[in-house]
């Protein structure tokens, strides 16, 4: 009887089983929605936010796939379709927080930041130190985006004049044409877009007064599966 050979065979079987279990643990697939918002998320779903989200989930033993949609559809799918368990990157809003007064989101920990302010014309800058100062201007916003709580409340109350568009790029073009006085935008998004728009880049700049520094989050579906995934994501930091 060759005990050595049998021992080696048993060890190989155990190792193979452990590898199979590890592969199965990594094969737990989840689907997330997102939007095209470079440099955070590119048209193909890649980008700095995607890289970070997938890295964290991988650390939790979870395989993730992402798909780019128009923003409002991305939000609705993640909230209503159980095939999609979350949407990113989102700013935090207490009114949406299912752990507080809201219903839509089980928010993850912040995995990044978004510096938000106003893009303006170099030859016609806006001047503001208080939100009340913004009532003097026509400001572009993107439909469906959260901007900053006080600003959004004033907009909802009709105190600040805004014009909605479908994208940040559309706002930059309207501003360059002089059709609005400024637009709300993330500083890194502005820099990325203007790098491909040299004529506008020579006309526009980021206002020195910041509006907000937002954390970036995944809004997980408000369900048992969403809560379980949120908790695993947070634990993997």
C-alpha atoms as a PDB file:
ATOM      1  CA  UNK A   1       0.000   0.000   0.000  1.00  0.00           C
ATOM      2  CA  UNK A   2       1.464   3.396  -1.030  1.00  0.00           C
ATOM      3  CA  UNK A   3       0.298   5.784   1.710  1.00  0.00           C
ATOM      4  CA  UNK A   4       2.400   8.620   0.320  1.00  0.00           C
ATOM      5  CA  UNK A   5       0.626   8.523  -3.024  1.00  0.00           C
ATOM      6  CA  UNK A   6      -2.796   8.358  -1.350  1.00  0.00           C
ATOM      7  CA  UNK A   7      -1.895  11.278   0.935  1.00  0.00           C
ATOM      8  CA  UNK A   8      -0.771  13.356  -2.023  1.00  0.00           C
ATOM      9  CA  UNK A   9      -3.971  12.464  -3.877  1.00  0.00           C
ATOM     10  CA  UNK A  10      -6.126  13.510  -0.898  1.00  0.00           C
ATOM     11  CA  UNK A  11      -4.223  16.780  -0.577  1.00  0.00           C
ATOM     12  CA  UNK A  12      -4.722  17.470  -4.285  1.00  0.00           C
ATOM     13  CA  UNK A  13      -8.449  16.753  -3.951  1.00  0.00           C
ATOM     14  CA  UNK A  14      -8.761  19.135  -0.987  1.00  0.00           C
ATOM     15  CA  UNK A  15      -6.815  21.836  -2.836  1.00  0.00           C
ATOM     16  CA  UNK A  16      -8.994  21.392  -5.907  1.00  0.00           C
ATOM     17  CA  UNK A  17     -12.127  21.628  -3.775  1.00  0.00           C
ATOM     18  CA  UNK A  18     -10.869  24.788  -2.090  1.00  0.00           C
ATOM     19  CA  UNK A  19     -10.095  26.342  -5.472  1.00  0.00           C
ATOM     20  CA  UNK A  20     -13.575  25.435  -6.695  1.00  0.00           C
ATOM     21  CA  UNK A  21     -15.190  27.007  -3.637  1.00  0.00           C
ATOM     22  CA  UNK A  22     -13.115  30.160  -4.099  1.00  0.00           C
ATOM     23  CA  UNK A  23     -14.117  30.340  -7.758  1.00  0.00           C
ATOM     24  CA  UNK A  24     -17.756  29.878  -6.819  1.00  0.00           C
ATOM     25  CA  UNK A  25     -17.454  32.649  -4.212  1.00  0.00           C
ATOM     26  CA  UNK A  26     -16.052  35.001  -6.845  1.00  0.00           C
ATOM     27  CA  UNK A  27     -18.718  33.985  -9.347  1.00  0.00           C
ATOM     28  CA  UNK A  28     -21.620  35.603  -7.481  1.00  0.00           C
ATOM     29  CA  UNK A  29     -22.653  38.046 -10.245  1.00  0.00           C
ATOM     30  CA  UNK A  30     -24.458  41.336  -9.662  1.00  0.00           C
ATOM     31  CA  UNK A  31     -25.552  43.979 -12.142  1.00  0.00           C
ATOM     32  CA  UNK A  32     -25.307  47.732 -11.567  1.00  0.00           C
ATOM     33  CA  UNK A  33     -26.498  50.636 -13.681  1.00  0.00           C
ATOM     34  CA  UNK A  34     -24.586  53.830 -14.334  1.00  0.00           C
ATOM     35  CA  UNK A  35     -24.440  56.760 -16.743  1.00  0.00           C
ATOM     36  CA  UNK A  36     -21.880  58.184 -19.128  1.00  0.00           C
ATOM     37  CA  UNK A  37     -20.146  60.779 -16.952  1.00  0.00           C
ATOM     38  CA  UNK A  38     -16.447  60.885 -17.854  1.00  0.00           C
ATOM     39  CA  UNK A  39     -13.919  60.738 -16.339  1.00  0.00           C
ATOM     40  CA  UNK A  40     -15.878  58.924 -13.612  1.00  0.00           C
ATOM     41  CA  UNK A  41     -17.724  56.668 -16.087  1.00  0.00           C
ATOM     42  CA  UNK A  42     -16.989  56.488 -19.818  1.00  0.00           C
ATOM     43  CA  UNK A  43     -19.378  55.494 -22.609  1.00  0.00           C
ATOM     44  CA  UNK A  44     -18.254  51.849 -22.386  1.00  0.00           C
ATOM     45  CA  UNK A  45     -18.745  51.757 -18.601  1.00  0.00           C
ATOM     46  CA  UNK A  46     -15.062  52.062 -17.731  1.00  0.00           C
ATOM     47  CA  UNK A  47     -13.721  54.968 -15.673  1.00  0.00           C
ATOM     48  CA  UNK A  48     -12.398  55.937 -12.261  1.00  0.00           C
ATOM     49  CA  UNK A  49     -15.684  55.317 -10.416  1.00  0.00           C
ATOM     50  CA  UNK A  50     -16.270  51.988 -12.141  1.00  0.00           C
ATOM     51  CA  UNK A  51     -12.727  50.844 -11.390  1.00  0.00           C
ATOM     52  CA  UNK A  52     -13.164  51.627  -7.705  1.00  0.00           C
ATOM     53  CA  UNK A  53     -16.623  50.035  -7.406  1.00  0.00           C
ATOM     54  CA  UNK A  54     -15.526  46.814  -9.115  1.00  0.00           C
ATOM     55  CA  UNK A  55     -12.335  46.691  -7.035  1.00  0.00           C
ATOM     56  CA  UNK A  56     -14.293  46.949  -3.765  1.00  0.00           C
ATOM     57  CA  UNK A  57     -16.865  44.353  -4.792  1.00  0.00           C
ATOM     58  CA  UNK A  58     -14.105  42.011  -5.946  1.00  0.00           C
ATOM     59  CA  UNK A  59     -12.583  42.344  -2.479  1.00  0.00           C
ATOM     60  CA  UNK A  60     -15.928  41.129  -1.117  1.00  0.00           C
ATOM     61  CA  UNK A  61     -15.805  38.114  -3.451  1.00  0.00           C
ATOM     62  CA  UNK A  62     -18.466  39.534  -5.765  1.00  0.00           C
ATOM     63  CA  UNK A  63     -18.273  39.746  -9.546  1.00  0.00           C
ATOM     64  CA  UNK A  64     -19.964  42.866 -10.886  1.00  0.00           C
ATOM     65  CA  UNK A  65     -21.053  43.906 -14.351  1.00  0.00           C
ATOM     66  CA  UNK A  66     -22.128  47.449 -15.184  1.00  0.00           C
ATOM     67  CA  UNK A  67     -24.153  48.955 -17.993  1.00  0.00           C
ATOM     68  CA  UNK A  68     -24.500  52.565 -19.079  1.00  0.00           C
ATOM     69  CA  UNK A  69     -27.969  54.080 -19.480  1.00  0.00           C
ATOM     70  CA  UNK A  70     -29.379  57.612 -19.650  1.00  0.00           C
ATOM     71  CA  UNK A  71     -29.363  58.815 -16.044  1.00  0.00           C
ATOM     72  CA  UNK A  72     -33.098  58.754 -15.302  1.00  0.00           C
ATOM     73  CA  UNK A  73     -33.404  55.240 -16.747  1.00  0.00           C
ATOM     74  CA  UNK A  74     -30.369  54.088 -14.765  1.00  0.00           C
ATOM     75  CA  UNK A  75     -32.035  55.333 -11.571  1.00  0.00           C
ATOM     76  CA  UNK A  76     -35.408  53.772 -12.376  1.00  0.00           C
ATOM     77  CA  UNK A  77     -33.962  50.377 -13.281  1.00  0.00           C
ATOM     78  CA  UNK A  78     -31.979  50.211 -10.049  1.00  0.00           C
ATOM     79  CA  UNK A  79     -35.036  51.196  -8.010  1.00  0.00           C
ATOM     80  CA  UNK A  80     -37.674  49.036  -9.703  1.00  0.00           C
ATOM     81  CA  UNK A  81     -36.075  46.141 -11.610  1.00  0.00           C
ATOM     82  CA  UNK A  82     -34.680  43.384  -9.346  1.00  0.00           C
ATOM     83  CA  UNK A  83     -32.219  42.400 -12.082  1.00  0.00           C
ATOM     84  CA  UNK A  84     -30.288  45.597 -11.281  1.00  0.00           C
ATOM     85  CA  UNK A  85     -29.241  45.955  -7.644  1.00  0.00           C
ATOM     86  CA  UNK A  86     -27.759  49.437  -7.650  1.00  0.00           C
ATOM     87  CA  UNK A  87     -26.859  52.633  -9.494  1.00  0.00           C
ATOM     88  CA  UNK A  88     -23.698  54.751  -9.198  1.00  0.00           C
ATOM     89  CA  UNK A  89     -22.186  57.272  -8.816  1.00  0.00           C
ATOM     90  CA  UNK A  90     -24.788  59.056  -6.694  1.00  0.00           C
ATOM     91  CA  UNK A  91     -24.643  62.001  -4.328  1.00  0.00           C
ATOM     92  CA  UNK A  92     -26.162  61.404  -0.910  1.00  0.00           C
ATOM     93  CA  UNK A  93     -29.686  62.736  -0.304  1.00  0.00           C
ATOM     94  CA  UNK A  94     -31.437  62.151   3.016  1.00  0.00           C
ATOM     95  CA  UNK A  95     -34.829  62.319   1.277  1.00  0.00           C
ATOM     96  CA  UNK A  96     -33.867  59.162  -0.673  1.00  0.00           C
ATOM     97  CA  UNK A  97     -32.114  57.331   2.187  1.00  0.00           C
ATOM     98  CA  UNK A  98     -34.110  54.210   3.065  1.00  0.00           C
ATOM     99  CA  UNK A  99     -32.334  54.057   6.423  1.00  0.00           C
ATOM    100  CA  UNK A 100     -33.897  57.427   7.270  1.00  0.00           C
ATOM    101  CA  UNK A 101     -36.949  59.171   5.839  1.00  0.00           C
ATOM    102  CA  UNK A 102     -36.677  58.044   2.216  1.00  0.00           C
ATOM    103  CA  UNK A 103     -37.414  54.867   0.290  1.00  0.00           C
ATOM    104  CA  UNK A 104     -35.261  54.684  -2.838  1.00  0.00           C
ATOM    105  CA  UNK A 105     -31.648  54.170  -1.728  1.00  0.00           C
ATOM    106  CA  UNK A 106     -29.621  52.030   0.588  1.00  0.00           C
ATOM    107  CA  UNK A 107     -26.482  54.149   0.327  1.00  0.00           C
ATOM    108  CA  UNK A 108     -23.011  52.676   0.346  1.00  0.00           C
ATOM    109  CA  UNK A 109     -20.075  54.286   2.048  1.00  0.00           C
ATOM    110  CA  UNK A 110     -18.474  56.983  -0.082  1.00  0.00           C
ATOM    111  CA  UNK A 111     -15.945  55.549  -2.552  1.00  0.00           C
ATOM    112  CA  UNK A 112     -14.833  58.900  -4.016  1.00  0.00           C
ATOM    113  CA  UNK A 113     -15.558  62.631  -4.158  1.00  0.00           C
ATOM    114  CA  UNK A 114     -17.053  65.086  -6.628  1.00  0.00           C
ATOM    115  CA  UNK A 115     -16.112  68.801  -6.451  1.00  0.00           C
ATOM    116  CA  UNK A 116     -19.150  70.740  -7.699  1.00  0.00           C
ATOM    117  CA  UNK A 117     -19.449  74.400  -8.617  1.00  0.00           C
ATOM    118  CA  UNK A 118     -20.215  76.694 -11.526  1.00  0.00           C
ATOM    119  CA  UNK A 119     -18.663  76.953 -14.961  1.00  0.00           C
ATOM    120  CA  UNK A 120     -18.733  80.517 -16.262  1.00  0.00           C
ATOM    121  CA  UNK A 121     -17.590  82.630 -19.193  1.00  0.00           C
ATOM    122  CA  UNK A 122     -14.140  84.122 -18.686  1.00  0.00           C
ATOM    123  CA  UNK A 123     -15.361  87.444 -20.094  1.00  0.00           C
ATOM    124  CA  UNK A 124     -18.529  87.471 -17.932  1.00  0.00           C
ATOM    125  CA  UNK A 125     -17.855  85.743 -14.594  1.00  0.00           C
ATOM    126  CA  UNK A 126     -20.543  85.422 -11.948  1.00  0.00           C
ATOM    127  CA  UNK A 127     -19.928  86.699  -8.436  1.00  0.00           C
ATOM    128  CA  UNK A 128     -21.485  85.031  -5.420  1.00  0.00           C
ATOM    129  CA  UNK A 129     -20.740  84.385  -1.763  1.00  0.00           C
ATOM    130  CA  UNK A 130     -24.273  83.519  -0.639  1.00  0.00           C
ATOM    131  CA  UNK A 131     -27.001  81.493  -2.334  1.00  0.00           C
ATOM    132  CA  UNK A 132     -29.155  84.637  -2.517  1.00  0.00           C
ATOM    133  CA  UNK A 133     -26.603  86.102  -4.929  1.00  0.00           C
ATOM    134  CA  UNK A 134     -27.436  83.342  -7.414  1.00  0.00           C
ATOM    135  CA  UNK A 135     -30.953  84.712  -7.927  1.00  0.00           C
ATOM    136  CA  UNK A 136     -29.441  87.285 -10.291  1.00  0.00           C
ATOM    137  CA  UNK A 137     -28.358  84.679 -12.823  1.00  0.00           C
ATOM    138  CA  UNK A 138     -29.738  82.159 -15.302  1.00  0.00           C
ATOM    139  CA  UNK A 139     -28.085  78.837 -14.448  1.00  0.00           C
ATOM    140  CA  UNK A 140     -27.955  75.623 -16.448  1.00  0.00           C
ATOM    141  CA  UNK A 141     -28.625  72.309 -14.716  1.00  0.00           C
ATOM    142  CA  UNK A 142     -28.828  68.714 -15.941  1.00  0.00           C
ATOM    143  CA  UNK A 143     -32.239  67.061 -15.648  1.00  0.00           C
ATOM    144  CA  UNK A 144     -32.375  64.473 -12.881  1.00  0.00           C
ATOM    145  CA  UNK A 145     -29.131  65.520 -11.175  1.00  0.00           C
ATOM    146  CA  UNK A 146     -28.858  66.441  -7.517  1.00  0.00           C
ATOM    147  CA  UNK A 147     -26.696  69.544  -7.226  1.00  0.00           C
ATOM    148  CA  UNK A 148     -26.608  70.835  -3.646  1.00  0.00           C
ATOM    149  CA  UNK A 149     -29.437  70.776  -1.119  1.00  0.00           C
ATOM    150  CA  UNK A 150     -29.868  74.514  -0.518  1.00  0.00           C
ATOM    151  CA  UNK A 151     -29.462  75.328  -4.214  1.00  0.00           C
ATOM    152  CA  UNK A 152     -31.956  72.619  -5.255  1.00  0.00           C
ATOM    153  CA  UNK A 153     -34.500  73.828  -2.687  1.00  0.00           C
ATOM    154  CA  UNK A 154     -34.273  77.367  -4.013  1.00  0.00           C
ATOM    155  CA  UNK A 155     -34.676  76.073  -7.568  1.00  0.00           C
ATOM    156  CA  UNK A 156     -37.748  74.039  -6.567  1.00  0.00           C
ATOM    157  CA  UNK A 157     -39.215  77.140  -4.916  1.00  0.00           C
ATOM    158  CA  UNK A 158     -38.665  79.230  -8.050  1.00  0.00           C
ATOM    159  CA  UNK A 159     -36.081  81.450  -6.359  1.00  0.00           C
ATOM    160  CA  UNK A 160     -33.262  80.638  -8.786  1.00  0.00           C
ATOM    161  CA  UNK A 161     -33.821  80.713 -12.536  1.00  0.00           C
ATOM    162  CA  UNK A 162     -32.545  77.523 -14.143  1.00  0.00           C
ATOM    163  CA  UNK A 163     -32.665  75.895 -17.569  1.00  0.00           C
ATOM    164  CA  UNK A 164     -32.618  72.099 -17.809  1.00  0.00           C
ATOM    165  CA  UNK A 165     -30.664  70.167 -20.413  1.00  0.00           C
ATOM    166  CA  UNK A 166     -29.889  66.490 -20.924  1.00  0.00           C
ATOM    167  CA  UNK A 167     -26.101  66.646 -20.402  1.00  0.00           C
ATOM    168  CA  UNK A 168     -23.183  68.664 -19.059  1.00  0.00           C
ATOM    169  CA  UNK A 169     -21.873  69.024 -22.615  1.00  0.00           C
ATOM    170  CA  UNK A 170     -25.118  70.725 -23.654  1.00  0.00           C
ATOM    171  CA  UNK A 171     -24.711  73.200 -20.787  1.00  0.00           C
ATOM    172  CA  UNK A 172     -21.165  74.055 -21.864  1.00  0.00           C
ATOM    173  CA  UNK A 173     -22.366  74.768 -25.396  1.00  0.00           C
ATOM    174  CA  UNK A 174     -25.256  76.941 -24.151  1.00  0.00           C
ATOM    175  CA  UNK A 175     -22.889  78.863 -21.912  1.00  0.00           C
ATOM    176  CA  UNK A 176     -20.399  79.359 -24.726  1.00  0.00           C
ATOM    177  CA  UNK A 177     -23.219  80.743 -26.870  1.00  0.00           C
ATOM    178  CA  UNK A 178     -24.183  83.191 -24.096  1.00  0.00           C
ATOM    179  CA  UNK A 179     -27.637  81.673 -23.556  1.00  0.00           C
ATOM    180  CA  UNK A 180     -27.090  81.182 -19.804  1.00  0.00           C
ATOM    181  CA  UNK A 181     -24.880  82.915 -17.250  1.00  0.00           C
ATOM    182  CA  UNK A 182     -23.393  79.791 -15.655  1.00  0.00           C
ATOM    183  CA  UNK A 183     -23.984  76.069 -15.210  1.00  0.00           C
ATOM    184  CA  UNK A 184     -23.626  73.644 -12.320  1.00  0.00           C
ATOM    185  CA  UNK A 185     -20.939  71.062 -13.046  1.00  0.00           C
ATOM    186  CA  UNK A 186     -18.360  68.782 -11.461  1.00  0.00           C
ATOM    187  CA  UNK A 187     -14.884  70.313 -11.879  1.00  0.00           C
ATOM    188  CA  UNK A 188     -13.306  67.100 -13.182  1.00  0.00           C
ATOM    189  CA  UNK A 189     -16.144  66.524 -15.647  1.00  0.00           C
ATOM    190  CA  UNK A 190     -15.735  70.080 -16.938  1.00  0.00           C
ATOM    191  CA  UNK A 191     -11.997  69.625 -17.419  1.00  0.00           C
ATOM    192  CA  UNK A 192     -12.511  66.336 -19.238  1.00  0.00           C
ATOM    193  CA  UNK A 193     -15.136  67.749 -21.607  1.00  0.00           C
ATOM    194  CA  UNK A 194     -13.254  70.961 -22.356  1.00  0.00           C
ATOM    195  CA  UNK A 195     -10.152  68.960 -23.246  1.00  0.00           C
ATOM    196  CA  UNK A 196     -12.079  67.827 -26.334  1.00  0.00           C
ATOM    197  CA  UNK A 197     -13.635  71.260 -27.009  1.00  0.00           C
ATOM    198  CA  UNK A 198     -10.660  73.635 -27.495  1.00  0.00           C
ATOM    199  CA  UNK A 199     -12.699  76.625 -28.651  1.00  0.00           C
ATOM    200  CA  UNK A 200     -14.936  76.495 -25.583  1.00  0.00           C
ATOM    201  CA  UNK A 201     -11.938  75.762 -23.357  1.00  0.00           C
ATOM    202  CA  UNK A 202     -10.559  79.192 -24.258  1.00  0.00           C
ATOM    203  CA  UNK A 203     -13.862  80.833 -23.273  1.00  0.00           C
ATOM    204  CA  UNK A 204     -14.903  79.020 -20.078  1.00  0.00           C
ATOM    205  CA  UNK A 205     -13.532  78.508 -16.574  1.00  0.00           C
ATOM    206  CA  UNK A 206     -14.532  77.098 -13.188  1.00  0.00           C
ATOM    207  CA  UNK A 207     -15.779  79.666 -10.686  1.00  0.00           C
ATOM    208  CA  UNK A 208     -13.497  79.907  -7.648  1.00  0.00           C
ATOM    209  CA  UNK A 209     -16.366  79.639  -5.139  1.00  0.00           C
ATOM    210  CA  UNK A 210     -17.314  75.946  -4.635  1.00  0.00           C
ATOM    211  CA  UNK A 211     -20.938  74.887  -4.337  1.00  0.00           C
ATOM    212  CA  UNK A 212     -20.321  71.479  -2.710  1.00  0.00           C
ATOM    213  CA  UNK A 213     -17.830  68.640  -2.266  1.00  0.00           C
ATOM    214  CA  UNK A 214     -19.945  65.519  -2.606  1.00  0.00           C
ATOM    215  CA  UNK A 215     -19.116  61.975  -1.668  1.00  0.00           C
ATOM    216  CA  UNK A 216     -19.814  59.405  -4.391  1.00  0.00           C
ATOM    217  CA  UNK A 217     -22.002  56.441  -3.431  1.00  0.00           C
ATOM    218  CA  UNK A 218     -23.780  53.417  -4.834  1.00  0.00           C
ATOM    219  CA  UNK A 219     -27.535  53.643  -4.349  1.00  0.00           C
ATOM    220  CA  UNK A 220     -28.444  50.006  -3.720  1.00  0.00           C
ATOM    221  CA  UNK A 221     -31.980  48.743  -4.275  1.00  0.00           C
ATOM    222  CA  UNK A 222     -34.189  49.018  -1.178  1.00  0.00           C
ATOM    223  CA  UNK A 223     -34.632  45.271  -0.750  1.00  0.00           C
ATOM    224  CA  UNK A 224     -33.160  42.399   1.207  1.00  0.00           C
ATOM    225  CA  UNK A 225     -30.797  41.632  -1.670  1.00  0.00           C
ATOM    226  CA  UNK A 226     -29.816  45.298  -1.932  1.00  0.00           C
ATOM    227  CA  UNK A 227     -29.142  45.595   1.795  1.00  0.00           C
ATOM    228  CA  UNK A 228     -27.046  42.410   1.786  1.00  0.00           C
ATOM    229  CA  UNK A 229     -24.961  43.708  -1.130  1.00  0.00           C
ATOM    230  CA  UNK A 230     -24.597  47.164   0.466  1.00  0.00           C
ATOM    231  CA  UNK A 231     -23.345  45.617   3.696  1.00  0.00           C
ATOM    232  CA  UNK A 232     -20.832  43.412   1.868  1.00  0.00           C
ATOM    233  CA  UNK A 233     -19.610  46.407  -0.160  1.00  0.00           C
ATOM    234  CA  UNK A 234     -19.126  48.548   2.960  1.00  0.00           C
ATOM    235  CA  UNK A 235     -17.338  45.734   4.787  1.00  0.00           C
ATOM    236  CA  UNK A 236     -14.851  45.363   1.917  1.00  0.00           C
ATOM    237  CA  UNK A 237     -13.322  48.867   2.316  1.00  0.00           C
END
